[in-house]
Amino acid sequence: MKRIKYLPFLLLLLLVGCQQKEPESFEPISQNKFLLGTIVNITLYDNPQQSIFDEIFTAIEEIETKMTINNATTSEIIEINHEAGNKAVKVSQETFDVIKTGLEYSKLSQGRFDITVGPLVKLWEIGFEDAHVPNPLEIEESLTLINYENVELNEDELTVKLTEPNMMIDLGGIAKGYAADVAASILKKHGNQQAIINLGGNVYAYGEKTNKETWKVGVQNPFSLRGEYLGIAKVKNKSIVTSGTYERFFEQDGVTYHHILDPKTGYPVENGLMSVTIIADSSMTADALSTIAFTLGIEEGLKLIESLEDVEALYVTNDKLLYASSGFLNNFELTDQTFSIAN
């Protein structure tokens, strides 16, 4: 019997530590919409104009229209995939930039995160009703199509080409992060000072001019089905993103399969981890690195995180041990004592 689960990532969000006089404030106003396969929730703590909500949701709708490969007949990414092995496709500056960034992270991870993972993702269909364990031969064939080095970009012409037939780009690992960054840029343009941008757990704690304020963000307990937290992170103008086995998964023949697929093996990553939380300035950075860090595992992942500026990570293992980068614990309080911080 097969059971599919898609669990929303819930967060505790509180504004604390206000130490300076601010412009006229309002009661927090939130609006949400289903976009990019998740609930997008925007909460404004000042300047709560309807036109700002509308502008943000319209911008994210446009991103989805350009970059989705699910539940759509066409998009710029679908067109690129359709012409794989045939010709280059002209795209918008926005799509080009996200693909270019995705390729940079693919290279950084040495292919453990690869935006050409589309054929493998489509095989498993995790998160959809027809999720299933593919035939091993199908998996082996899909792996031959995954290679970020076979993506050709022409920056002058804004074109993208997949050099081999049946290749597929999938921007699911960074599109939500990009959308959160775009939302933050819209808030900055309108002079908003306090806001929370939440794309299904991809959270941007926005505070453009509130340098003395911090947000308390609850870090998801990956063992909890009720949205409980294992601890609280204090952040200022940062993005917090968690990738974990609890997010999207299905069960078949008594075995659970989660959605974080390894482009090297073709199967869900098995390394004893439940989740990885990344804190970074950019939501797209945090989005990509959460997947990369999970796939690399604790030792390699922390080595990578420590090599990057203004990025922190927290690993949660199957036996409830926490492994953190050097700066993460400086602004983190463990509240669930069933977890232990590893030495």
C-alpha atoms as a PDB file:
ATOM      1  CA  MET A   1       0.000   0.000   0.000  1.00  0.00           C
ATOM      2  CA  LYS A   2       1.323   3.406  -0.941  1.00  0.00           C
ATOM      3  CA  ARG A   3       0.831   6.526   1.169  1.00  0.00           C
ATOM      4  CA  ILE A   4       1.949   9.956   0.058  1.00  0.00           C
ATOM      5  CA  LYS A   5       2.569  12.736   2.516  1.00  0.00           C
ATOM      6  CA  TYR A   6       3.378  16.386   1.998  1.00  0.00           C
ATOM      7  CA  LEU A   7       3.805  18.104   5.346  1.00  0.00           C
ATOM      8  CA  PRO A   8       3.999  21.903   5.618  1.00  0.00           C
ATOM      9  CA  PHE A   9       6.978  23.286   7.508  1.00  0.00           C
ATOM     10  CA  LEU A  10       5.574  25.436  10.326  1.00  0.00           C
ATOM     11  CA  LEU A  11       7.589  28.145  12.076  1.00  0.00           C
ATOM     12  CA  LEU A  12       7.245  30.297  15.169  1.00  0.00           C
ATOM     13  CA  LEU A  13       7.840  33.923  14.233  1.00  0.00           C
ATOM     14  CA  LEU A  14       8.101  36.675  16.846  1.00  0.00           C
ATOM     15  CA  LEU A  15       9.560  40.174  16.611  1.00  0.00           C
ATOM     16  CA  VAL A  16      11.603  40.986  19.710  1.00  0.00           C
ATOM     17  CA  GLY A  17      14.151  43.427  21.048  1.00  0.00           C
ATOM     18  CA  CYS A  18      12.865  46.670  19.540  1.00  0.00           C
ATOM     19  CA  GLN A  19      15.183  49.352  20.915  1.00  0.00           C
ATOM     20  CA  GLN A  20      14.536  52.331  18.681  1.00  0.00           C
ATOM     21  CA  LYS A  21      11.574  54.484  17.745  1.00  0.00           C
ATOM     22  CA  GLU A  22       9.974  53.335  14.529  1.00  0.00           C
ATOM     23  CA  PRO A  23       7.555  54.969  12.090  1.00  0.00           C
ATOM     24  CA  GLU A  24       3.841  54.436  12.559  1.00  0.00           C
ATOM     25  CA  SER A  25       3.192  50.725  13.068  1.00  0.00           C
ATOM     26  CA  PHE A  26       0.151  48.535  12.526  1.00  0.00           C
ATOM     27  CA  GLU A  27      -1.167  45.224  13.710  1.00  0.00           C
ATOM     28  CA  PRO A  28       0.496  42.492  11.595  1.00  0.00           C
ATOM     29  CA  ILE A  29      -1.502  41.795   8.464  1.00  0.00           C
ATOM     30  CA  SER A  30      -1.052  38.501   6.597  1.00  0.00           C
ATOM     31  CA  GLN A  31      -2.219  37.280   3.215  1.00  0.00           C
ATOM     32  CA  ASN A  32      -1.512  33.973   1.516  1.00  0.00           C
ATOM     33  CA  LYS A  33      -1.823  32.271  -1.819  1.00  0.00           C
ATOM     34  CA  PHE A  34      -0.979  28.824  -3.197  1.00  0.00           C
ATOM     35  CA  LEU A  35       1.975  29.264  -5.556  1.00  0.00           C
ATOM     36  CA  LEU A  36       5.078  27.266  -6.500  1.00  0.00           C
ATOM     37  CA  GLY A  37       3.459  24.174  -5.022  1.00  0.00           C
ATOM     38  CA  THR A  38       3.160  25.619  -1.516  1.00  0.00           C
ATOM     39  CA  ILE A  39       1.336  28.183   0.599  1.00  0.00           C
ATOM     40  CA  VAL A  40       3.017  31.583   0.209  1.00  0.00           C
ATOM     41  CA  ASN A  41       2.314  33.694   3.297  1.00  0.00           C
ATOM     42  CA  ILE A  42       3.293  37.359   3.534  1.00  0.00           C
ATOM     43  CA  THR A  43       3.024  39.202   6.858  1.00  0.00           C
ATOM     44  CA  LEU A  44       3.562  42.972   6.936  1.00  0.00           C
ATOM     45  CA  TYR A  45       4.238  44.762  10.222  1.00  0.00           C
ATOM     46  CA  ASP A  46       4.269  48.221   8.679  1.00  0.00           C
ATOM     47  CA  ASN A  47       3.010  49.913   5.510  1.00  0.00           C
ATOM     48  CA  PRO A  48       0.352  47.199   4.977  1.00  0.00           C
ATOM     49  CA  GLN A  49      -0.923  48.372   1.615  1.00  0.00           C
ATOM     50  CA  GLN A  50      -2.983  45.984  -0.497  1.00  0.00           C
ATOM     51  CA  SER A  51      -1.008  47.062  -3.545  1.00  0.00           C
ATOM     52  CA  ILE A  52       2.188  45.687  -1.954  1.00  0.00           C
ATOM     53  CA  PHE A  53       0.604  42.286  -1.315  1.00  0.00           C
ATOM     54  CA  ASP A  54      -0.706  42.277  -4.889  1.00  0.00           C
ATOM     55  CA  GLU A  55       2.693  43.187  -6.338  1.00  0.00           C
ATOM     56  CA  ILE A  56       4.440  40.400  -4.426  1.00  0.00           C
ATOM     57  CA  PHE A  57       1.902  37.721  -5.382  1.00  0.00           C
ATOM     58  CA  THR A  58       1.925  38.852  -9.022  1.00  0.00           C
ATOM     59  CA  ALA A  59       5.735  38.667  -9.119  1.00  0.00           C
ATOM     60  CA  ILE A  60       5.713  35.132  -7.682  1.00  0.00           C
ATOM     61  CA  GLU A  61       2.969  34.078 -10.116  1.00  0.00           C
ATOM     62  CA  GLU A  62       5.184  35.284 -12.972  1.00  0.00           C
ATOM     63  CA  ILE A  63       8.128  33.293 -11.601  1.00  0.00           C
ATOM     64  CA  GLU A  64       5.946  30.188 -11.485  1.00  0.00           C
ATOM     65  CA  THR A  65       4.698  30.796 -15.019  1.00  0.00           C
ATOM     66  CA  LYS A  66       8.260  31.033 -16.302  1.00  0.00           C
ATOM     67  CA  MET A  67       9.999  28.343 -14.265  1.00  0.00           C
ATOM     68  CA  THR A  68       7.564  25.546 -13.377  1.00  0.00           C
ATOM     69  CA  ILE A  69       7.644  22.069 -14.882  1.00  0.00           C
ATOM     70  CA  ASN A  70       4.603  20.861 -12.943  1.00  0.00           C
ATOM     71  CA  ASN A  71       0.884  21.334 -13.620  1.00  0.00           C
ATOM     72  CA  ALA A  72       1.480  23.527 -16.648  1.00  0.00           C
ATOM     73  CA  THR A  73       1.348  23.078 -20.387  1.00  0.00           C
ATOM     74  CA  THR A  74       4.150  25.518 -21.030  1.00  0.00           C
ATOM     75  CA  SER A  75       6.806  27.637 -19.358  1.00  0.00           C
ATOM     76  CA  GLU A  76      10.275  28.778 -20.298  1.00  0.00           C
ATOM     77  CA  ILE A  77      11.774  25.753 -18.524  1.00  0.00           C
ATOM     78  CA  ILE A  78       9.323  23.377 -20.198  1.00  0.00           C
ATOM     79  CA  GLU A  79      10.285  24.879 -23.566  1.00  0.00           C
ATOM     80  CA  ILE A  80      14.005  24.409 -22.828  1.00  0.00           C
ATOM     81  CA  ASN A  81      13.355  20.791 -21.883  1.00  0.00           C
ATOM     82  CA  HIS A  82      11.213  20.225 -24.976  1.00  0.00           C
ATOM     83  CA  GLU A  83      14.084  21.409 -27.210  1.00  0.00           C
ATOM     84  CA  ALA A  84      16.750  19.337 -25.416  1.00  0.00           C
ATOM     85  CA  GLY A  85      19.329  18.077 -27.889  1.00  0.00           C
ATOM     86  CA  ASN A  86      17.821  20.253 -30.584  1.00  0.00           C
ATOM     87  CA  LYS A  87      18.206  24.010 -30.223  1.00  0.00           C
ATOM     88  CA  ALA A  88      18.764  26.857 -27.804  1.00  0.00           C
ATOM     89  CA  VAL A  89      15.737  28.633 -26.344  1.00  0.00           C
ATOM     90  CA  LYS A  90      15.548  32.344 -25.624  1.00  0.00           C
ATOM     91  CA  VAL A  91      14.359  33.092 -22.092  1.00  0.00           C
ATOM     92  CA  SER A  92      13.720  36.081 -19.844  1.00  0.00           C
ATOM     93  CA  GLN A  93      16.558  37.673 -17.889  1.00  0.00           C
ATOM     94  CA  GLU A  94      14.938  36.347 -14.717  1.00  0.00           C
ATOM     95  CA  THR A  95      14.923  32.699 -15.826  1.00  0.00           C
ATOM     96  CA  PHE A  96      18.418  33.004 -17.265  1.00  0.00           C
ATOM     97  CA  ASP A  97      19.794  34.372 -13.999  1.00  0.00           C
ATOM     98  CA  VAL A  98      18.199  31.598 -11.891  1.00  0.00           C
ATOM     99  CA  ILE A  99      19.528  28.895 -14.238  1.00  0.00           C
ATOM    100  CA  LYS A 100      22.987  30.476 -14.155  1.00  0.00           C
ATOM    101  CA  THR A 101      22.939  30.561 -10.351  1.00  0.00           C
ATOM    102  CA  GLY A 102      21.672  26.976 -10.261  1.00  0.00           C
ATOM    103  CA  LEU A 103      24.600  25.887 -12.401  1.00  0.00           C
ATOM    104  CA  GLU A 104      27.008  27.661 -10.048  1.00  0.00           C
ATOM    105  CA  TYR A 105      25.627  25.690  -7.108  1.00  0.00           C
ATOM    106  CA  SER A 106      25.692  22.500  -9.173  1.00  0.00           C
ATOM    107  CA  LYS A 107      29.400  23.078  -9.748  1.00  0.00           C
ATOM    108  CA  LEU A 108      30.004  24.028  -6.102  1.00  0.00           C
ATOM    109  CA  SER A 109      28.502  20.714  -4.973  1.00  0.00           C
ATOM    110  CA  GLN A 110      30.317  18.751  -7.706  1.00  0.00           C
ATOM    111  CA  GLY A 111      26.970  17.549  -9.014  1.00  0.00           C
ATOM    112  CA  ARG A 112      25.435  16.387  -5.721  1.00  0.00           C
ATOM    113  CA  PHE A 113      22.963  19.201  -6.370  1.00  0.00           C
ATOM    114  CA  ASP A 114      22.220  19.310 -10.101  1.00  0.00           C
ATOM    115  CA  ILE A 115      19.522  21.376 -11.822  1.00  0.00           C
ATOM    116  CA  THR A 116      19.366  18.792 -14.638  1.00  0.00           C
ATOM    117  CA  VAL A 117      17.934  16.228 -12.194  1.00  0.00           C
ATOM    118  CA  GLY A 118      14.529  16.585 -13.905  1.00  0.00           C
ATOM    119  CA  PRO A 119      14.382  13.098 -15.496  1.00  0.00           C
ATOM    120  CA  LEU A 120      14.950  11.471 -12.104  1.00  0.00           C
ATOM    121  CA  VAL A 121      12.409  13.701 -10.326  1.00  0.00           C
ATOM    122  CA  LYS A 122       9.794  12.887 -12.971  1.00  0.00           C
ATOM    123  CA  LEU A 123      10.459   9.172 -12.547  1.00  0.00           C
ATOM    124  CA  TRP A 124       9.781   9.169  -8.809  1.00  0.00           C
ATOM    125  CA  GLU A 125       6.969  11.794  -8.804  1.00  0.00           C
ATOM    126  CA  ILE A 126       7.350  12.237  -5.044  1.00  0.00           C
ATOM    127  CA  GLY A 127       4.730  14.631  -3.769  1.00  0.00           C
ATOM    128  CA  PHE A 128       2.160  13.494  -6.322  1.00  0.00           C
ATOM    129  CA  GLU A 129      -0.465  10.759  -6.210  1.00  0.00           C
ATOM    130  CA  ASP A 130       1.409   8.520  -8.645  1.00  0.00           C
ATOM    131  CA  ALA A 131       4.640   8.470  -6.611  1.00  0.00           C
ATOM    132  CA  HIS A 132       6.297   5.064  -6.860  1.00  0.00           C
ATOM    133  CA  VAL A 133       9.644   3.293  -6.813  1.00  0.00           C
ATOM    134  CA  PRO A 134      10.850   3.252 -10.440  1.00  0.00           C
ATOM    135  CA  ASN A 135      12.285   0.266 -12.227  1.00  0.00           C
ATOM    136  CA  PRO A 136      16.078   0.087 -11.625  1.00  0.00           C
ATOM    137  CA  LEU A 137      16.688   0.174 -15.371  1.00  0.00           C
ATOM    138  CA  GLU A 138      14.664   3.384 -15.637  1.00  0.00           C
ATOM    139  CA  ILE A 139      16.718   4.916 -12.852  1.00  0.00           C
ATOM    140  CA  GLU A 140      19.965   3.885 -14.514  1.00  0.00           C
ATOM    141  CA  GLU A 141      18.839   5.426 -17.799  1.00  0.00           C
ATOM    142  CA  SER A 142      17.781   8.692 -16.133  1.00  0.00           C
ATOM    143  CA  LEU A 143      21.209   9.050 -14.498  1.00  0.00           C
ATOM    144  CA  THR A 144      22.840   9.231 -17.935  1.00  0.00           C
ATOM    145  CA  LEU A 145      20.810  12.376 -18.610  1.00  0.00           C
ATOM    146  CA  ILE A 146      21.889  14.263 -15.473  1.00  0.00           C
ATOM    147  CA  ASN A 147      24.912  16.466 -16.080  1.00  0.00           C
ATOM    148  CA  TYR A 148      24.922  20.200 -15.413  1.00  0.00           C
ATOM    149  CA  GLU A 149      27.963  20.552 -17.690  1.00  0.00           C
ATOM    150  CA  ASN A 150      25.662  19.799 -20.637  1.00  0.00           C
ATOM    151  CA  VAL A 151      23.816  23.091 -20.229  1.00  0.00           C
ATOM    152  CA  GLU A 152      24.956  25.821 -22.595  1.00  0.00           C
ATOM    153  CA  LEU A 153      24.277  29.471 -21.758  1.00  0.00           C
ATOM    154  CA  ASN A 154      24.587  32.456 -24.072  1.00  0.00           C
ATOM    155  CA  GLU A 155      24.499  35.574 -21.919  1.00  0.00           C
ATOM    156  CA  ASP A 156      24.415  37.970 -24.864  1.00  0.00           C
ATOM    157  CA  GLU A 157      21.416  36.265 -26.470  1.00  0.00           C
ATOM    158  CA  LEU A 158      19.809  35.083 -23.198  1.00  0.00           C
ATOM    159  CA  THR A 159      19.509  31.553 -24.553  1.00  0.00           C
ATOM    160  CA  VAL A 160      19.744  28.170 -22.851  1.00  0.00           C
ATOM    161  CA  LYS A 161      20.400  24.844 -24.519  1.00  0.00           C
ATOM    162  CA  LEU A 162      20.462  21.284 -23.218  1.00  0.00           C
ATOM    163  CA  THR A 163      22.962  19.511 -25.404  1.00  0.00           C
ATOM    164  CA  GLU A 164      21.546  15.985 -25.044  1.00  0.00           C
ATOM    165  CA  PRO A 165      18.034  14.735 -25.952  1.00  0.00           C
ATOM    166  CA  ASN A 166      15.639  14.006 -23.055  1.00  0.00           C
ATOM    167  CA  MET A 167      17.563  16.130 -20.554  1.00  0.00           C
ATOM    168  CA  MET A 168      15.400  18.188 -18.192  1.00  0.00           C
ATOM    169  CA  ILE A 169      16.074  21.212 -16.006  1.00  0.00           C
ATOM    170  CA  ASP A 170      14.221  21.301 -12.688  1.00  0.00           C
ATOM    171  CA  LEU A 171      14.554  24.501 -10.638  1.00  0.00           C
ATOM    172  CA  GLY A 172      12.577  23.135  -7.687  1.00  0.00           C
ATOM    173  CA  GLY A 173      15.674  23.350  -5.485  1.00  0.00           C
ATOM    174  CA  ILE A 174      16.062  27.129  -5.806  1.00  0.00           C
ATOM    175  CA  ALA A 175      12.894  28.679  -7.307  1.00  0.00           C
ATOM    176  CA  LYS A 176      11.183  29.249  -3.942  1.00  0.00           C
ATOM    177  CA  GLY A 177      14.331  30.867  -2.590  1.00  0.00           C
ATOM    178  CA  TYR A 178      14.522  33.149  -5.598  1.00  0.00           C
ATOM    179  CA  ALA A 179      10.859  34.091  -5.154  1.00  0.00           C
ATOM    180  CA  ALA A 180      11.473  35.011  -1.495  1.00  0.00           C
ATOM    181  CA  ASP A 181      14.389  37.237  -2.514  1.00  0.00           C
ATOM    182  CA  VAL A 182      12.200  38.967  -5.113  1.00  0.00           C
ATOM    183  CA  ALA A 183       9.505  39.544  -2.482  1.00  0.00           C
ATOM    184  CA  ALA A 184      12.118  41.099  -0.185  1.00  0.00           C
ATOM    185  CA  SER A 185      13.289  43.414  -2.971  1.00  0.00           C
ATOM    186  CA  ILE A 186       9.694  44.608  -3.478  1.00  0.00           C
ATOM    187  CA  LEU A 187       9.375  45.384   0.230  1.00  0.00           C
ATOM    188  CA  LYS A 188      12.645  47.294   0.131  1.00  0.00           C
ATOM    189  CA  LYS A 189      11.425  49.319  -2.838  1.00  0.00           C
ATOM    190  CA  HIS A 190       8.299  50.363  -0.927  1.00  0.00           C
ATOM    191  CA  GLY A 191      10.195  51.215   2.245  1.00  0.00           C
ATOM    192  CA  ASN A 192       8.769  48.442   4.400  1.00  0.00           C
ATOM    193  CA  GLN A 193      10.813  47.824   7.530  1.00  0.00           C
ATOM    194  CA  GLN A 194       9.351  44.702   9.109  1.00  0.00           C
ATOM    195  CA  ALA A 195       7.930  41.634   7.360  1.00  0.00           C
ATOM    196  CA  ILE A 196       7.970  37.867   7.204  1.00  0.00           C
ATOM    197  CA  ILE A 197       8.044  36.094   3.842  1.00  0.00           C
ATOM    198  CA  ASN A 198       7.180  32.413   4.190  1.00  0.00           C
ATOM    199  CA  LEU A 199       7.101  30.088   1.202  1.00  0.00           C
ATOM    200  CA  GLY A 200       6.155  26.791   2.776  1.00  0.00           C
ATOM    201  CA  GLY A 201       8.921  26.945   5.354  1.00  0.00           C
ATOM    202  CA  ASN A 202      11.380  28.888   3.237  1.00  0.00           C
ATOM    203  CA  VAL A 203      11.365  31.888   5.581  1.00  0.00           C
ATOM    204  CA  TYR A 204      12.828  35.340   5.010  1.00  0.00           C
ATOM    205  CA  ALA A 205      12.883  37.404   8.224  1.00  0.00           C
ATOM    206  CA  TYR A 206      12.886  40.840   6.622  1.00  0.00           C
ATOM    207  CA  GLY A 207      14.044  43.923   8.539  1.00  0.00           C
ATOM    208  CA  GLU A 208      15.580  46.381   6.134  1.00  0.00           C
ATOM    209  CA  LYS A 209      16.018  49.300   8.566  1.00  0.00           C
ATOM    210  CA  THR A 210      15.549  47.625  11.918  1.00  0.00           C
ATOM    211  CA  ASN A 211      19.177  46.872  12.706  1.00  0.00           C
ATOM    212  CA  LYS A 212      18.541  46.541  16.447  1.00  0.00           C
ATOM    213  CA  GLU A 213      15.731  44.063  16.110  1.00  0.00           C
ATOM    214  CA  THR A 214      15.790  40.324  15.901  1.00  0.00           C
ATOM    215  CA  TRP A 215      13.300  37.726  14.850  1.00  0.00           C
ATOM    216  CA  LYS A 216      12.815  34.533  16.801  1.00  0.00           C
ATOM    217  CA  VAL A 217      12.286  31.725  14.320  1.00  0.00           C
ATOM    218  CA  GLY A 218      11.306  28.264  15.463  1.00  0.00           C
ATOM    219  CA  VAL A 219      13.431  25.536  13.862  1.00  0.00           C
ATOM    220  CA  GLN A 220      11.260  22.580  12.866  1.00  0.00           C
ATOM    221  CA  ASN A 221      11.442  19.345  14.811  1.00  0.00           C
ATOM    222  CA  PRO A 222      11.665  16.835  11.924  1.00  0.00           C
ATOM    223  CA  PHE A 223      10.227  14.095  14.137  1.00  0.00           C
ATOM    224  CA  SER A 224       7.057  16.067  14.885  1.00  0.00           C
ATOM    225  CA  LEU A 225       3.928  15.846  12.750  1.00  0.00           C
ATOM    226  CA  ARG A 226       2.335  18.768  14.612  1.00  0.00           C
ATOM    227  CA  GLY A 227       4.768  21.514  13.686  1.00  0.00           C
ATOM    228  CA  GLU A 228       6.648  21.524  16.974  1.00  0.00           C
ATOM    229  CA  TYR A 229      10.123  23.006  17.276  1.00  0.00           C
ATOM    230  CA  LEU A 230      13.449  21.664  18.446  1.00  0.00           C
ATOM    231  CA  GLY A 231      14.787  25.151  19.138  1.00  0.00           C
ATOM    232  CA  ILE A 232      14.687  28.881  18.436  1.00  0.00           C
ATOM    233  CA  ALA A 233      17.066  30.797  16.172  1.00  0.00           C
ATOM    234  CA  LYS A 234      17.512  34.558  16.535  1.00  0.00           C
ATOM    235  CA  VAL A 235      18.135  36.282  13.214  1.00  0.00           C
ATOM    236  CA  LYS A 236      18.170  39.748  11.662  1.00  0.00           C
ATOM    237  CA  ASN A 237      17.358  40.232   7.984  1.00  0.00           C
ATOM    238  CA  LYS A 238      18.180  36.612   7.188  1.00  0.00           C
ATOM    239  CA  SER A 239      16.644  33.668   5.387  1.00  0.00           C
ATOM    240  CA  ILE A 240      16.148  30.337   7.128  1.00  0.00           C
ATOM    241  CA  VAL A 241      15.500  27.228   5.042  1.00  0.00           C
ATOM    242  CA  THR A 242      15.218  23.607   6.167  1.00  0.00           C
ATOM    243  CA  SER A 243      15.365  20.524   3.954  1.00  0.00           C
ATOM    244  CA  GLY A 244      14.392  17.228   5.488  1.00  0.00           C
ATOM    245  CA  THR A 245      13.033  13.752   4.993  1.00  0.00           C
ATOM    246  CA  TYR A 246       9.754  14.749   6.679  1.00  0.00           C
ATOM    247  CA  GLU A 247       8.724  17.264   3.987  1.00  0.00           C
ATOM    248  CA  ARG A 248       7.572  15.077   1.099  1.00  0.00           C
ATOM    249  CA  PHE A 249       7.621  11.302   1.106  1.00  0.00           C
ATOM    250  CA  PHE A 250       5.636   8.194   0.324  1.00  0.00           C
ATOM    251  CA  GLU A 251       5.485   4.640   1.606  1.00  0.00           C
ATOM    252  CA  GLN A 252       5.543   1.551  -0.580  1.00  0.00           C
ATOM    253  CA  ASP A 253       5.696  -2.036   0.653  1.00  0.00           C
ATOM    254  CA  GLY A 254       6.445  -0.823   4.156  1.00  0.00           C
ATOM    255  CA  VAL A 255       9.426   1.319   3.099  1.00  0.00           C
ATOM    256  CA  THR A 256       9.473   5.131   3.297  1.00  0.00           C
ATOM    257  CA  TYR A 257      11.024   7.113   0.435  1.00  0.00           C
ATOM    258  CA  HIS A 258      11.687  10.853   0.850  1.00  0.00           C
ATOM    259  CA  HIS A 259      12.047  13.519  -1.855  1.00  0.00           C
ATOM    260  CA  ILE A 260      15.756  14.430  -1.569  1.00  0.00           C
ATOM    261  CA  LEU A 261      17.168  12.400  -4.434  1.00  0.00           C
ATOM    262  CA  ASP A 262      20.863  11.730  -4.973  1.00  0.00           C
ATOM    263  CA  PRO A 263      21.815  12.503  -8.610  1.00  0.00           C
ATOM    264  CA  LYS A 264      24.680  10.035  -8.267  1.00  0.00           C
ATOM    265  CA  THR A 265      22.663   6.971  -7.191  1.00  0.00           C
ATOM    266  CA  GLY A 266      19.160   7.789  -8.407  1.00  0.00           C
ATOM    267  CA  TYR A 267      17.614   6.984  -5.012  1.00  0.00           C
ATOM    268  CA  PRO A 268      16.678   9.080  -1.957  1.00  0.00           C
ATOM    269  CA  VAL A 269      19.762  10.087   0.020  1.00  0.00           C
ATOM    270  CA  GLU A 270      20.526   7.697   2.885  1.00  0.00           C
ATOM    271  CA  ASN A 271      23.022   9.164   5.340  1.00  0.00           C
ATOM    272  CA  GLY A 272      21.347   9.056   8.752  1.00  0.00           C
ATOM    273  CA  LEU A 273      20.004  12.607   8.545  1.00  0.00           C
ATOM    274  CA  MET A 274      16.520  13.914   9.223  1.00  0.00           C
ATOM    275  CA  SER A 275      17.056  17.559   8.254  1.00  0.00           C
ATOM    276  CA  VAL A 276      19.459  20.409   7.580  1.00  0.00           C
ATOM    277  CA  THR A 277      18.682  24.050   8.395  1.00  0.00           C
ATOM    278  CA  ILE A 278      20.596  26.836   6.653  1.00  0.00           C
ATOM    279  CA  ILE A 279      20.762  30.497   7.665  1.00  0.00           C
ATOM    280  CA  ALA A 280      22.010  32.894   4.979  1.00  0.00           C
ATOM    281  CA  ASP A 281      21.543  36.439   3.692  1.00  0.00           C
ATOM    282  CA  SER A 282      19.920  35.248   0.468  1.00  0.00           C
ATOM    283  CA  SER A 283      16.949  32.905   0.417  1.00  0.00           C
ATOM    284  CA  MET A 284      18.068  31.375  -2.880  1.00  0.00           C
ATOM    285  CA  THR A 285      21.461  30.664  -1.310  1.00  0.00           C
ATOM    286  CA  ALA A 286      19.826  29.051   1.731  1.00  0.00           C
ATOM    287  CA  ASP A 287      17.460  27.072  -0.511  1.00  0.00           C
ATOM    288  CA  ALA A 288      20.241  25.581  -2.619  1.00  0.00           C
ATOM    289  CA  LEU A 289      22.622  24.982   0.288  1.00  0.00           C
ATOM    290  CA  SER A 290      20.005  23.181   2.388  1.00  0.00           C
ATOM    291  CA  THR A 291      19.767  20.511  -0.306  1.00  0.00           C
ATOM    292  CA  ILE A 292      23.502  20.479  -0.985  1.00  0.00           C
ATOM    293  CA  ALA A 293      24.404  20.202   2.708  1.00  0.00           C
ATOM    294  CA  PHE A 294      21.898  17.384   3.218  1.00  0.00           C
ATOM    295  CA  THR A 295      23.174  15.434   0.226  1.00  0.00           C
ATOM    296  CA  LEU A 296      26.842  15.878   1.169  1.00  0.00           C
ATOM    297  CA  GLY A 297      26.299  14.679   4.723  1.00  0.00           C
ATOM    298  CA  ILE A 298      27.675  16.069   7.973  1.00  0.00           C
ATOM    299  CA  GLU A 299      31.447  15.978   7.426  1.00  0.00           C
ATOM    300  CA  GLU A 300      31.572  17.189   3.817  1.00  0.00           C
ATOM    301  CA  GLY A 301      28.610  19.501   4.277  1.00  0.00           C
ATOM    302  CA  LEU A 302      30.001  21.335   7.297  1.00  0.00           C
ATOM    303  CA  LYS A 303      33.344  21.667   5.555  1.00  0.00           C
ATOM    304  CA  LEU A 304      31.587  23.406   2.669  1.00  0.00           C
ATOM    305  CA  ILE A 305      29.494  25.634   4.943  1.00  0.00           C
ATOM    306  CA  GLU A 306      32.541  26.735   6.920  1.00  0.00           C
ATOM    307  CA  SER A 307      34.199  27.802   3.658  1.00  0.00           C
ATOM    308  CA  LEU A 308      31.350  30.212   2.869  1.00  0.00           C
ATOM    309  CA  GLU A 309      30.832  33.661   4.368  1.00  0.00           C
ATOM    310  CA  ASP A 310      27.661  34.549   6.289  1.00  0.00           C
ATOM    311  CA  VAL A 311      26.239  31.019   6.098  1.00  0.00           C
ATOM    312  CA  GLU A 312      25.438  28.726   9.033  1.00  0.00           C
ATOM    313  CA  ALA A 313      24.026  25.194   9.190  1.00  0.00           C
ATOM    314  CA  LEU A 314      22.391  22.844  11.679  1.00  0.00           C
ATOM    315  CA  TYR A 315      22.200  19.077  11.037  1.00  0.00           C
ATOM    316  CA  VAL A 316      19.664  16.814  12.750  1.00  0.00           C
ATOM    317  CA  THR A 317      20.378  13.083  12.695  1.00  0.00           C
ATOM    318  CA  ASN A 318      18.037  10.112  12.950  1.00  0.00           C
ATOM    319  CA  ASP A 319      19.164   9.595  16.564  1.00  0.00           C
ATOM    320  CA  LYS A 320      18.370  13.216  17.548  1.00  0.00           C
ATOM    321  CA  LEU A 321      21.907  14.546  17.586  1.00  0.00           C
ATOM    322  CA  LEU A 322      22.565  18.108  16.417  1.00  0.00           C
ATOM    323  CA  TYR A 323      25.707  19.075  14.503  1.00  0.00           C
ATOM    324  CA  ALA A 324      26.217  22.798  13.922  1.00  0.00           C
ATOM    325  CA  SER A 325      28.567  25.046  12.004  1.00  0.00           C
ATOM    326  CA  SER A 326      30.843  27.247  14.099  1.00  0.00           C
ATOM    327  CA  GLY A 327      28.497  30.236  14.313  1.00  0.00           C
ATOM    328  CA  PHE A 328      25.050  28.644  14.380  1.00  0.00           C
ATOM    329  CA  LEU A 329      24.827  28.005  18.112  1.00  0.00           C
ATOM    330  CA  ASN A 330      25.717  31.628  18.928  1.00  0.00           C
ATOM    331  CA  ASN A 331      22.117  32.605  18.172  1.00  0.00           C
ATOM    332  CA  PHE A 332      20.294  29.344  18.813  1.00  0.00           C
ATOM    333  CA  GLU A 333      18.469  28.059  21.876  1.00  0.00           C
ATOM    334  CA  LEU A 334      17.676  24.344  22.115  1.00  0.00           C
ATOM    335  CA  THR A 335      14.184  24.026  23.607  1.00  0.00           C
ATOM    336  CA  ASP A 336      13.452  20.327  23.087  1.00  0.00           C
ATOM    337  CA  GLN A 337      15.626  18.415  25.515  1.00  0.00           C
ATOM    338  CA  THR A 338      15.055  15.097  23.717  1.00  0.00           C
ATOM    339  CA  PHE A 339      17.747  16.374  21.323  1.00  0.00           C
ATOM    340  CA  SER A 340      21.448  16.619  22.164  1.00  0.00           C
ATOM    341  CA  ILE A 341      24.135  18.848  20.725  1.00  0.00           C
ATOM    342  CA  ALA A 342      27.053  16.733  19.535  1.00  0.00           C
ATOM    343  CA  ASN A 343      30.554  17.709  20.576  1.00  0.00           C
END
